[in-house]
Amino acid sequence: VLIVLAAVILFGFAQQLILLRALSME
């Protein structure tokens, strides 16, 4: 259960990295 919670946070962090790159580049 704890690893699943960590994976959900990791997914959100990865999506945030993509968003931050778009904000920086575009």
mmCIF file of all heavy atoms, coordinates in Angstrom:
data_MODEL
# 
_entry.id   MODEL 
# 
loop_
_atom_site.group_PDB 
_atom_site.id 
_atom_site.type_symbol 
_atom_site.label_atom_id 
_atom_site.label_alt_id 
_atom_site.label_comp_id 
_atom_site.label_asym_id 
_atom_site.label_entity_id 
_atom_site.label_seq_id 
_atom_site.pdbx_PDB_ins_code 
_atom_site.Cartn_x 
_atom_site.Cartn_y 
_atom_site.Cartn_z 
_atom_site.occupancy 
_atom_site.B_iso_or_equiv 
_atom_site.pdbx_formal_charge 
_atom_site.auth_seq_id 
_atom_site.auth_comp_id 
_atom_site.auth_asym_id 
_atom_site.auth_atom_id 
_atom_site.pdbx_PDB_model_num 
ATOM 1   N N   . VAL A 1 1  ? 0.833  -1.205 0.000   1.00 0.00 ? 1  VAL A N   1 
ATOM 2   C CA  . VAL A 1 1  ? 0.000  0.000  0.000   1.00 0.00 ? 1  VAL A CA  1 
ATOM 3   C C   . VAL A 1 1  ? 0.867  1.254  0.000   1.00 0.00 ? 1  VAL A C   1 
ATOM 4   O O   . VAL A 1 1  ? 0.607  2.218  -0.736  1.00 0.00 ? 1  VAL A O   1 
ATOM 5   C CB  . VAL A 1 1  ? -0.945 -0.008 1.216   1.00 0.00 ? 1  VAL A CB  1 
ATOM 6   C CG1 . VAL A 1 1  ? -1.649 1.343  1.361   1.00 0.00 ? 1  VAL A CG1 1 
ATOM 7   C CG2 . VAL A 1 1  ? -1.978 -1.124 1.082   1.00 0.00 ? 1  VAL A CG2 1 
ATOM 8   N N   . LEU A 1 2  ? 1.915  1.259  0.810   1.00 0.00 ? 2  LEU A N   1 
ATOM 9   C CA  . LEU A 1 2  ? 2.797  2.425  0.870   1.00 0.00 ? 2  LEU A CA  1 
ATOM 10  C C   . LEU A 1 2  ? 3.532  2.635  -0.450  1.00 0.00 ? 2  LEU A C   1 
ATOM 11  O O   . LEU A 1 2  ? 3.717  3.775  -0.897  1.00 0.00 ? 2  LEU A O   1 
ATOM 12  C CB  . LEU A 1 2  ? 3.799  2.253  2.012   1.00 0.00 ? 2  LEU A CB  1 
ATOM 13  C CG  . LEU A 1 2  ? 3.214  2.306  3.428   1.00 0.00 ? 2  LEU A CG  1 
ATOM 14  C CD1 . LEU A 1 2  ? 4.289  2.001  4.454   1.00 0.00 ? 2  LEU A CD1 1 
ATOM 15  C CD2 . LEU A 1 2  ? 2.589  3.669  3.701   1.00 0.00 ? 2  LEU A CD2 1 
ATOM 16  N N   . ILE A 1 3  ? 3.937  1.561  -1.097  1.00 0.00 ? 3  ILE A N   1 
ATOM 17  C CA  . ILE A 1 3  ? 4.611  1.684  -2.396  1.00 0.00 ? 3  ILE A CA  1 
ATOM 18  C C   . ILE A 1 3  ? 3.644  2.211  -3.450  1.00 0.00 ? 3  ILE A C   1 
ATOM 19  O O   . ILE A 1 3  ? 4.035  2.993  -4.332  1.00 0.00 ? 3  ILE A O   1 
ATOM 20  C CB  . ILE A 1 3  ? 5.219  0.326  -2.812  1.00 0.00 ? 3  ILE A CB  1 
ATOM 21  C CG1 . ILE A 1 3  ? 6.395  -0.015 -1.883  1.00 0.00 ? 3  ILE A CG1 1 
ATOM 22  C CG2 . ILE A 1 3  ? 5.685  0.351  -4.267  1.00 0.00 ? 3  ILE A CG2 1 
ATOM 23  C CD1 . ILE A 1 3  ? 6.997  -1.382 -2.126  1.00 0.00 ? 3  ILE A CD1 1 
ATOM 24  N N   . VAL A 1 4  ? 2.390  1.804  -3.387  1.00 0.00 ? 4  VAL A N   1 
ATOM 25  C CA  . VAL A 1 4  ? 1.386  2.339  -4.312  1.00 0.00 ? 4  VAL A CA  1 
ATOM 26  C C   . VAL A 1 4  ? 1.232  3.845  -4.111  1.00 0.00 ? 4  VAL A C   1 
ATOM 27  O O   . VAL A 1 4  ? 1.171  4.617  -5.081  1.00 0.00 ? 4  VAL A O   1 
ATOM 28  C CB  . VAL A 1 4  ? 0.036  1.615  -4.116  1.00 0.00 ? 4  VAL A CB  1 
ATOM 29  C CG1 . VAL A 1 4  ? -1.089 2.372  -4.805  1.00 0.00 ? 4  VAL A CG1 1 
ATOM 30  C CG2 . VAL A 1 4  ? 0.116  0.200  -4.660  1.00 0.00 ? 4  VAL A CG2 1 
ATOM 31  N N   . LEU A 1 5  ? 1.161  4.289  -2.852  1.00 0.00 ? 5  LEU A N   1 
ATOM 32  C CA  . LEU A 1 5  ? 1.069  5.723  -2.575  1.00 0.00 ? 5  LEU A CA  1 
ATOM 33  C C   . LEU A 1 5  ? 2.291  6.462  -3.121  1.00 0.00 ? 5  LEU A C   1 
ATOM 34  O O   . LEU A 1 5  ? 2.171  7.551  -3.693  1.00 0.00 ? 5  LEU A O   1 
ATOM 35  C CB  . LEU A 1 5  ? 0.927  5.967  -1.077  1.00 0.00 ? 5  LEU A CB  1 
ATOM 36  C CG  . LEU A 1 5  ? -0.378 5.482  -0.428  1.00 0.00 ? 5  LEU A CG  1 
ATOM 37  C CD1 . LEU A 1 5  ? -0.323 5.692  1.080   1.00 0.00 ? 5  LEU A CD1 1 
ATOM 38  C CD2 . LEU A 1 5  ? -1.577 6.208  -1.030  1.00 0.00 ? 5  LEU A CD2 1 
ATOM 39  N N   . ALA A 1 6  ? 3.476  5.879  -2.939  1.00 0.00 ? 6  ALA A N   1 
ATOM 40  C CA  . ALA A 1 6  ? 4.690  6.494  -3.465  1.00 0.00 ? 6  ALA A CA  1 
ATOM 41  C C   . ALA A 1 6  ? 4.660  6.559  -4.989  1.00 0.00 ? 6  ALA A C   1 
ATOM 42  O O   . ALA A 1 6  ? 5.107  7.549  -5.586  1.00 0.00 ? 6  ALA A O   1 
ATOM 43  C CB  . ALA A 1 6  ? 5.916  5.703  -2.999  1.00 0.00 ? 6  ALA A CB  1 
ATOM 44  N N   . ALA A 1 7  ? 4.115  5.525  -5.634  1.00 0.00 ? 7  ALA A N   1 
ATOM 45  C CA  . ALA A 1 7  ? 4.040  5.518  -7.092  1.00 0.00 ? 7  ALA A CA  1 
ATOM 46  C C   . ALA A 1 7  ? 3.090  6.598  -7.602  1.00 0.00 ? 7  ALA A C   1 
ATOM 47  O O   . ALA A 1 7  ? 3.336  7.218  -8.645  1.00 0.00 ? 7  ALA A O   1 
ATOM 48  C CB  . ALA A 1 7  ? 3.592  4.140  -7.584  1.00 0.00 ? 7  ALA A CB  1 
ATOM 49  N N   . VAL A 1 8  ? 1.988  6.829  -6.870  1.00 0.00 ? 8  VAL A N   1 
ATOM 50  C CA  . VAL A 1 8  ? 1.057  7.896  -7.260  1.00 0.00 ? 8  VAL A CA  1 
ATOM 51  C C   . VAL A 1 8  ? 1.748  9.254  -7.174  1.00 0.00 ? 8  VAL A C   1 
ATOM 52  O O   . VAL A 1 8  ? 1.618  10.105 -8.066  1.00 0.00 ? 8  VAL A O   1 
ATOM 53  C CB  . VAL A 1 8  ? -0.198 7.858  -6.369  1.00 0.00 ? 8  VAL A CB  1 
ATOM 54  C CG1 . VAL A 1 8  ? -1.073 9.085  -6.621  1.00 0.00 ? 8  VAL A CG1 1 
ATOM 55  C CG2 . VAL A 1 8  ? -0.988 6.578  -6.622  1.00 0.00 ? 8  VAL A CG2 1 
ATOM 56  N N   . ILE A 1 9  ? 2.499  9.471  -6.088  1.00 0.00 ? 9  ILE A N   1 
ATOM 57  C CA  . ILE A 1 9  ? 3.231  10.732 -5.945  1.00 0.00 ? 9  ILE A CA  1 
ATOM 58  C C   . ILE A 1 9  ? 4.286  10.853 -7.035  1.00 0.00 ? 9  ILE A C   1 
ATOM 59  O O   . ILE A 1 9  ? 4.500  11.943 -7.593  1.00 0.00 ? 9  ILE A O   1 
ATOM 60  C CB  . ILE A 1 9  ? 3.863  10.820 -4.544  1.00 0.00 ? 9  ILE A CB  1 
ATOM 61  C CG1 . ILE A 1 9  ? 2.767  10.901 -3.479  1.00 0.00 ? 9  ILE A CG1 1 
ATOM 62  C CG2 . ILE A 1 9  ? 4.788  12.032 -4.443  1.00 0.00 ? 9  ILE A CG2 1 
ATOM 63  C CD1 . ILE A 1 9  ? 3.298  10.898 -2.056  1.00 0.00 ? 9  ILE A CD1 1 
ATOM 64  N N   . LEU A 1 10 ? 4.963  9.749  -7.356  1.00 0.00 ? 10 LEU A N   1 
ATOM 65  C CA  . LEU A 1 10 ? 5.973  9.770  -8.416  1.00 0.00 ? 10 LEU A CA  1 
ATOM 66  C C   . LEU A 1 10 ? 5.349  10.136 -9.760  1.00 0.00 ? 10 LEU A C   1 
ATOM 67  O O   . LEU A 1 10 ? 5.933  10.905 -10.538 1.00 0.00 ? 10 LEU A O   1 
ATOM 68  C CB  . LEU A 1 10 ? 6.651  8.405  -8.511  1.00 0.00 ? 10 LEU A CB  1 
ATOM 69  C CG  . LEU A 1 10 ? 7.670  8.227  -9.643  1.00 0.00 ? 10 LEU A CG  1 
ATOM 70  C CD1 . LEU A 1 10 ? 8.850  9.177  -9.463  1.00 0.00 ? 10 LEU A CD1 1 
ATOM 71  C CD2 . LEU A 1 10 ? 8.150  6.778  -9.710  1.00 0.00 ? 10 LEU A CD2 1 
ATOM 72  N N   . PHE A 1 11 ? 4.160  9.607  -10.040 1.00 0.00 ? 11 PHE A N   1 
ATOM 73  C CA  . PHE A 1 11 ? 3.478  9.938  -11.290 1.00 0.00 ? 11 PHE A CA  1 
ATOM 74  C C   . PHE A 1 11 ? 3.170  11.428 -11.350 1.00 0.00 ? 11 PHE A C   1 
ATOM 75  O O   . PHE A 1 11 ? 3.378  12.083 -12.377 1.00 0.00 ? 11 PHE A O   1 
ATOM 76  C CB  . PHE A 1 11 ? 2.191  9.125  -11.414 1.00 0.00 ? 11 PHE A CB  1 
ATOM 77  C CG  . PHE A 1 11 ? 1.453  9.351  -12.705 1.00 0.00 ? 11 PHE A CG  1 
ATOM 78  C CD1 . PHE A 1 11 ? 1.820  8.682  -13.855 1.00 0.00 ? 11 PHE A CD1 1 
ATOM 79  C CD2 . PHE A 1 11 ? 0.380  10.230 -12.753 1.00 0.00 ? 11 PHE A CD2 1 
ATOM 80  C CE1 . PHE A 1 11 ? 1.140  8.888  -15.042 1.00 0.00 ? 11 PHE A CE1 1 
ATOM 81  C CE2 . PHE A 1 11 ? -0.303 10.447 -13.937 1.00 0.00 ? 11 PHE A CE2 1 
ATOM 82  C CZ  . PHE A 1 11 ? 0.078  9.770  -15.085 1.00 0.00 ? 11 PHE A CZ  1 
ATOM 83  N N   . GLY A 1 12 ? 2.675  11.973 -10.238 1.00 0.00 ? 12 GLY A N   1 
ATOM 84  C CA  . GLY A 1 12 ? 2.402  13.410 -10.203 1.00 0.00 ? 12 GLY A CA  1 
ATOM 85  C C   . GLY A 1 12 ? 3.662  14.239 -10.358 1.00 0.00 ? 12 GLY A C   1 
ATOM 86  O O   . GLY A 1 12 ? 3.662  15.271 -11.042 1.00 0.00 ? 12 GLY A O   1 
ATOM 87  N N   . PHE A 1 13 ? 4.763  13.787 -9.739  1.00 0.00 ? 13 PHE A N   1 
ATOM 88  C CA  . PHE A 1 13 ? 6.033  14.502 -9.860  1.00 0.00 ? 13 PHE A CA  1 
ATOM 89  C C   . PHE A 1 13 ? 6.528  14.489 -11.303 1.00 0.00 ? 13 PHE A C   1 
ATOM 90  O O   . PHE A 1 13 ? 7.017  15.508 -11.820 1.00 0.00 ? 13 PHE A O   1 
ATOM 91  C CB  . PHE A 1 13 ? 7.064  13.861 -8.933  1.00 0.00 ? 13 PHE A CB  1 
ATOM 92  C CG  . PHE A 1 13 ? 8.434  14.464 -9.035  1.00 0.00 ? 13 PHE A CG  1 
ATOM 93  C CD1 . PHE A 1 13 ? 8.689  15.746 -8.576  1.00 0.00 ? 13 PHE A CD1 1 
ATOM 94  C CD2 . PHE A 1 13 ? 9.483  13.742 -9.586  1.00 0.00 ? 13 PHE A CD2 1 
ATOM 95  C CE1 . PHE A 1 13 ? 9.956  16.303 -8.658  1.00 0.00 ? 13 PHE A CE1 1 
ATOM 96  C CE2 . PHE A 1 13 ? 10.751 14.282 -9.675  1.00 0.00 ? 13 PHE A CE2 1 
ATOM 97  C CZ  . PHE A 1 13 ? 10.989 15.568 -9.217  1.00 0.00 ? 13 PHE A CZ  1 
ATOM 98  N N   . ALA A 1 14 ? 6.405  13.335 -11.976 1.00 0.00 ? 14 ALA A N   1 
ATOM 99  C CA  . ALA A 1 14 ? 6.841  13.247 -13.372 1.00 0.00 ? 14 ALA A CA  1 
ATOM 100 C C   . ALA A 1 14 ? 6.007  14.156 -14.274 1.00 0.00 ? 14 ALA A C   1 
ATOM 101 O O   . ALA A 1 14 ? 6.543  14.828 -15.175 1.00 0.00 ? 14 ALA A O   1 
ATOM 102 C CB  . ALA A 1 14 ? 6.750  11.796 -13.858 1.00 0.00 ? 14 ALA A CB  1 
ATOM 103 N N   . GLN A 1 15 ? 4.700  14.200 -14.046 1.00 0.00 ? 15 GLN A N   1 
ATOM 104 C CA  . GLN A 1 15 ? 3.845  15.091 -14.818 1.00 0.00 ? 15 GLN A CA  1 
ATOM 105 C C   . GLN A 1 15 ? 4.198  16.553 -14.562 1.00 0.00 ? 15 GLN A C   1 
ATOM 106 O O   . GLN A 1 15 ? 4.172  17.391 -15.467 1.00 0.00 ? 15 GLN A O   1 
ATOM 107 C CB  . GLN A 1 15 ? 2.374  14.844 -14.464 1.00 0.00 ? 15 GLN A CB  1 
ATOM 108 C CG  . GLN A 1 15 ? 1.865  13.475 -14.848 1.00 0.00 ? 15 GLN A CG  1 
ATOM 109 C CD  . GLN A 1 15 ? 1.840  13.277 -16.347 1.00 0.00 ? 15 GLN A CD  1 
ATOM 110 O OE1 . GLN A 1 15 ? 1.454  14.164 -17.101 1.00 0.00 ? 15 GLN A OE1 1 
ATOM 111 N NE2 . GLN A 1 15 ? 2.269  12.109 -16.788 1.00 0.00 ? 15 GLN A NE2 1 
ATOM 112 N N   . GLN A 1 16 ? 4.559  16.847 -13.325 1.00 0.00 ? 16 GLN A N   1 
ATOM 113 C CA  . GLN A 1 16 ? 4.952  18.214 -12.981 1.00 0.00 ? 16 GLN A CA  1 
ATOM 114 C C   . GLN A 1 16 ? 6.256  18.604 -13.684 1.00 0.00 ? 16 GLN A C   1 
ATOM 115 O O   . GLN A 1 16 ? 6.416  19.752 -14.125 1.00 0.00 ? 16 GLN A O   1 
ATOM 116 C CB  . GLN A 1 16 ? 5.111  18.345 -11.473 1.00 0.00 ? 16 GLN A CB  1 
ATOM 117 C CG  . GLN A 1 16 ? 5.341  19.768 -11.004 1.00 0.00 ? 16 GLN A CG  1 
ATOM 118 C CD  . GLN A 1 16 ? 5.458  19.842 -9.502  1.00 0.00 ? 16 GLN A CD  1 
ATOM 119 O OE1 . GLN A 1 16 ? 6.268  19.152 -8.893  1.00 0.00 ? 16 GLN A OE1 1 
ATOM 120 N NE2 . GLN A 1 16 ? 4.628  20.676 -8.879  1.00 0.00 ? 16 GLN A NE2 1 
ATOM 121 N N   . LEU A 1 17 ? 7.184  17.655 -13.808 1.00 0.00 ? 17 LEU A N   1 
ATOM 122 C CA  . LEU A 1 17 ? 8.430  17.932 -14.528 1.00 0.00 ? 17 LEU A CA  1 
ATOM 123 C C   . LEU A 1 17 ? 8.153  18.300 -15.984 1.00 0.00 ? 17 LEU A C   1 
ATOM 124 O O   . LEU A 1 17 ? 8.777  19.214 -16.533 1.00 0.00 ? 17 LEU A O   1 
ATOM 125 C CB  . LEU A 1 17 ? 9.358  16.724 -14.457 1.00 0.00 ? 17 LEU A CB  1 
ATOM 126 C CG  . LEU A 1 17 ? 9.956  16.370 -13.095 1.00 0.00 ? 17 LEU A CG  1 
ATOM 127 C CD1 . LEU A 1 17 ? 10.869 15.163 -13.215 1.00 0.00 ? 17 LEU A CD1 1 
ATOM 128 C CD2 . LEU A 1 17 ? 10.703 17.554 -12.507 1.00 0.00 ? 17 LEU A CD2 1 
ATOM 129 N N   . ILE A 1 18 ? 7.216  17.583 -16.599 1.00 0.00 ? 18 ILE A N   1 
ATOM 130 C CA  . ILE A 1 18 ? 6.854  17.889 -17.989 1.00 0.00 ? 18 ILE A CA  1 
ATOM 131 C C   . ILE A 1 18 ? 6.238  19.288 -18.081 1.00 0.00 ? 18 ILE A C   1 
ATOM 132 O O   . ILE A 1 18 ? 6.541  20.069 -18.995 1.00 0.00 ? 18 ILE A O   1 
ATOM 133 C CB  . ILE A 1 18 ? 5.882  16.821 -18.529 1.00 0.00 ? 18 ILE A CB  1 
ATOM 134 C CG1 . ILE A 1 18 ? 6.574  15.448 -18.554 1.00 0.00 ? 18 ILE A CG1 1 
ATOM 135 C CG2 . ILE A 1 18 ? 5.390  17.193 -19.924 1.00 0.00 ? 18 ILE A CG2 1 
ATOM 136 C CD1 . ILE A 1 18 ? 5.661  14.308 -18.957 1.00 0.00 ? 18 ILE A CD1 1 
ATOM 137 N N   . LEU A 1 19 ? 5.370  19.624 -17.109 1.00 0.00 ? 19 LEU A N   1 
ATOM 138 C CA  . LEU A 1 19 ? 4.740  20.950 -17.102 1.00 0.00 ? 19 LEU A CA  1 
ATOM 139 C C   . LEU A 1 19 ? 5.783  22.051 -16.898 1.00 0.00 ? 19 LEU A C   1 
ATOM 140 O O   . LEU A 1 19 ? 5.749  23.087 -17.579 1.00 0.00 ? 19 LEU A O   1 
ATOM 141 C CB  . LEU A 1 19 ? 3.683  21.017 -15.997 1.00 0.00 ? 19 LEU A CB  1 
ATOM 142 C CG  . LEU A 1 19 ? 3.019  22.378 -15.772 1.00 0.00 ? 19 LEU A CG  1 
ATOM 143 C CD1 . LEU A 1 19 ? 2.279  22.821 -17.022 1.00 0.00 ? 19 LEU A CD1 1 
ATOM 144 C CD2 . LEU A 1 19 ? 2.077  22.324 -14.577 1.00 0.00 ? 19 LEU A CD2 1 
ATOM 145 N N   . LEU A 1 20 ? 6.717  21.836 -15.991 1.00 0.00 ? 20 LEU A N   1 
ATOM 146 C CA  . LEU A 1 20 ? 7.747  22.849 -15.726 1.00 0.00 ? 20 LEU A CA  1 
ATOM 147 C C   . LEU A 1 20 ? 8.637  23.059 -16.946 1.00 0.00 ? 20 LEU A C   1 
ATOM 148 O O   . LEU A 1 20 ? 9.060  24.192 -17.213 1.00 0.00 ? 20 LEU A O   1 
ATOM 149 C CB  . LEU A 1 20 ? 8.592  22.429 -14.522 1.00 0.00 ? 20 LEU A CB  1 
ATOM 150 C CG  . LEU A 1 20 ? 7.883  22.423 -13.166 1.00 0.00 ? 20 LEU A CG  1 
ATOM 151 C CD1 . LEU A 1 20 ? 8.826  21.941 -12.076 1.00 0.00 ? 20 LEU A CD1 1 
ATOM 152 C CD2 . LEU A 1 20 ? 7.345  23.813 -12.834 1.00 0.00 ? 20 LEU A CD2 1 
ATOM 153 N N   . ARG A 1 21 ? 8.923  21.998 -17.668 1.00 0.00 ? 21 ARG A N   1 
ATOM 154 C CA  . ARG A 1 21 ? 9.718  22.152 -18.891 1.00 0.00 ? 21 ARG A CA  1 
ATOM 155 C C   . ARG A 1 21 ? 8.972  22.999 -19.904 1.00 0.00 ? 21 ARG A C   1 
ATOM 156 O O   . ARG A 1 21 ? 9.547  23.869 -20.570 1.00 0.00 ? 21 ARG A O   1 
ATOM 157 C CB  . ARG A 1 21 ? 10.053 20.791 -19.496 1.00 0.00 ? 21 ARG A CB  1 
ATOM 158 C CG  . ARG A 1 21 ? 10.852 20.880 -20.801 1.00 0.00 ? 21 ARG A CG  1 
ATOM 159 C CD  . ARG A 1 21 ? 11.049 19.515 -21.429 1.00 0.00 ? 21 ARG A CD  1 
ATOM 160 N NE  . ARG A 1 21 ? 11.796 19.625 -22.674 1.00 0.00 ? 21 ARG A NE  1 
ATOM 161 C CZ  . ARG A 1 21 ? 11.274 19.894 -23.863 1.00 0.00 ? 21 ARG A CZ  1 
ATOM 162 N NH1 . ARG A 1 21 ? 9.949  20.134 -23.944 1.00 0.00 ? 21 ARG A NH1 1 
ATOM 163 N NH2 . ARG A 1 21 ? 12.007 19.973 -24.948 1.00 0.00 ? 21 ARG A NH2 1 
ATOM 164 N N   . ALA A 1 22 ? 7.647  22.763 -20.029 1.00 0.00 ? 22 ALA A N   1 
ATOM 165 C CA  . ALA A 1 22 ? 6.851  23.547 -20.966 1.00 0.00 ? 22 ALA A CA  1 
ATOM 166 C C   . ALA A 1 22 ? 6.820  25.018 -20.555 1.00 0.00 ? 22 ALA A C   1 
ATOM 167 O O   . ALA A 1 22 ? 6.915  25.918 -21.403 1.00 0.00 ? 22 ALA A O   1 
ATOM 168 C CB  . ALA A 1 22 ? 5.429  22.986 -21.044 1.00 0.00 ? 22 ALA A CB  1 
ATOM 169 N N   . LEU A 1 23 ? 6.695  25.275 -19.259 1.00 0.00 ? 23 LEU A N   1 
ATOM 170 C CA  . LEU A 1 23 ? 6.689  26.662 -18.793 1.00 0.00 ? 23 LEU A CA  1 
ATOM 171 C C   . LEU A 1 23 ? 8.031  27.336 -19.063 1.00 0.00 ? 23 LEU A C   1 
ATOM 172 O O   . LEU A 1 23 ? 8.090  28.521 -19.412 1.00 0.00 ? 23 LEU A O   1 
ATOM 173 C CB  . LEU A 1 23 ? 6.387  26.710 -17.295 1.00 0.00 ? 23 LEU A CB  1 
ATOM 174 C CG  . LEU A 1 23 ? 4.966  26.332 -16.869 1.00 0.00 ? 23 LEU A CG  1 
ATOM 175 C CD1 . LEU A 1 23 ? 4.857  26.285 -15.352 1.00 0.00 ? 23 LEU A CD1 1 
ATOM 176 C CD2 . LEU A 1 23 ? 3.955  27.312 -17.451 1.00 0.00 ? 23 LEU A CD2 1 
ATOM 177 N N   . SER A 1 24 ? 9.110  26.593 -18.910 1.00 0.00 ? 24 SER A N   1 
ATOM 178 C CA  . SER A 1 24 ? 10.436 27.163 -19.120 1.00 0.00 ? 24 SER A CA  1 
ATOM 179 C C   . SER A 1 24 ? 10.721 27.407 -20.603 1.00 0.00 ? 24 SER A C   1 
ATOM 180 O O   . SER A 1 24 ? 11.238 28.458 -20.983 1.00 0.00 ? 24 SER A O   1 
ATOM 181 C CB  . SER A 1 24 ? 11.498 26.235 -18.532 1.00 0.00 ? 24 SER A CB  1 
ATOM 182 O OG  . SER A 1 24 ? 12.795 26.714 -18.806 1.00 0.00 ? 24 SER A OG  1 
ATOM 183 N N   . MET A 1 25 ? 10.359 26.435 -21.448 1.00 0.00 ? 25 MET A N   1 
ATOM 184 C CA  . MET A 1 25 ? 10.705 26.515 -22.867 1.00 0.00 ? 25 MET A CA  1 
ATOM 185 C C   . MET A 1 25 ? 9.739  27.381 -23.655 1.00 0.00 ? 25 MET A C   1 
ATOM 186 O O   . MET A 1 25 ? 10.148 28.113 -24.568 1.00 0.00 ? 25 MET A O   1 
ATOM 187 C CB  . MET A 1 25 ? 10.748 25.101 -23.466 1.00 0.00 ? 25 MET A CB  1 
ATOM 188 C CG  . MET A 1 25 ? 11.753 24.161 -22.805 1.00 0.00 ? 25 MET A CG  1 
ATOM 189 S SD  . MET A 1 25 ? 13.467 24.706 -23.010 1.00 0.00 ? 25 MET A SD  1 
ATOM 190 C CE  . MET A 1 25 ? 13.647 24.548 -24.788 1.00 0.00 ? 25 MET A CE  1 
ATOM 191 N N   . GLU A 1 26 ? 8.458  27.326 -23.317 1.00 0.00 ? 26 GLU A N   1 
ATOM 192 C CA  . GLU A 1 26 ? 7.444  27.989 -24.133 1.00 0.00 ? 26 GLU A CA  1 
ATOM 193 C C   . GLU A 1 26 ? 6.951  29.307 -23.522 1.00 0.00 ? 26 GLU A C   1 
ATOM 194 O O   . GLU A 1 26 ? 6.674  30.260 -24.252 1.00 0.00 ? 26 GLU A O   1 
ATOM 195 C CB  . GLU A 1 26 ? 6.245  27.052 -24.348 1.00 0.00 ? 26 GLU A CB  1 
ATOM 196 C CG  . GLU A 1 26 ? 6.614  25.703 -24.941 1.00 0.00 ? 26 GLU A CG  1 
ATOM 197 C CD  . GLU A 1 26 ? 7.222  25.821 -26.327 1.00 0.00 ? 26 GLU A CD  1 
ATOM 198 O OE1 . GLU A 1 26 ? 6.955  26.818 -27.026 1.00 0.00 ? 26 GLU A OE1 1 
ATOM 199 O OE2 . GLU A 1 26 ? 7.975  24.905 -26.726 1.00 0.00 ? 26 GLU A OE2 1 
# 
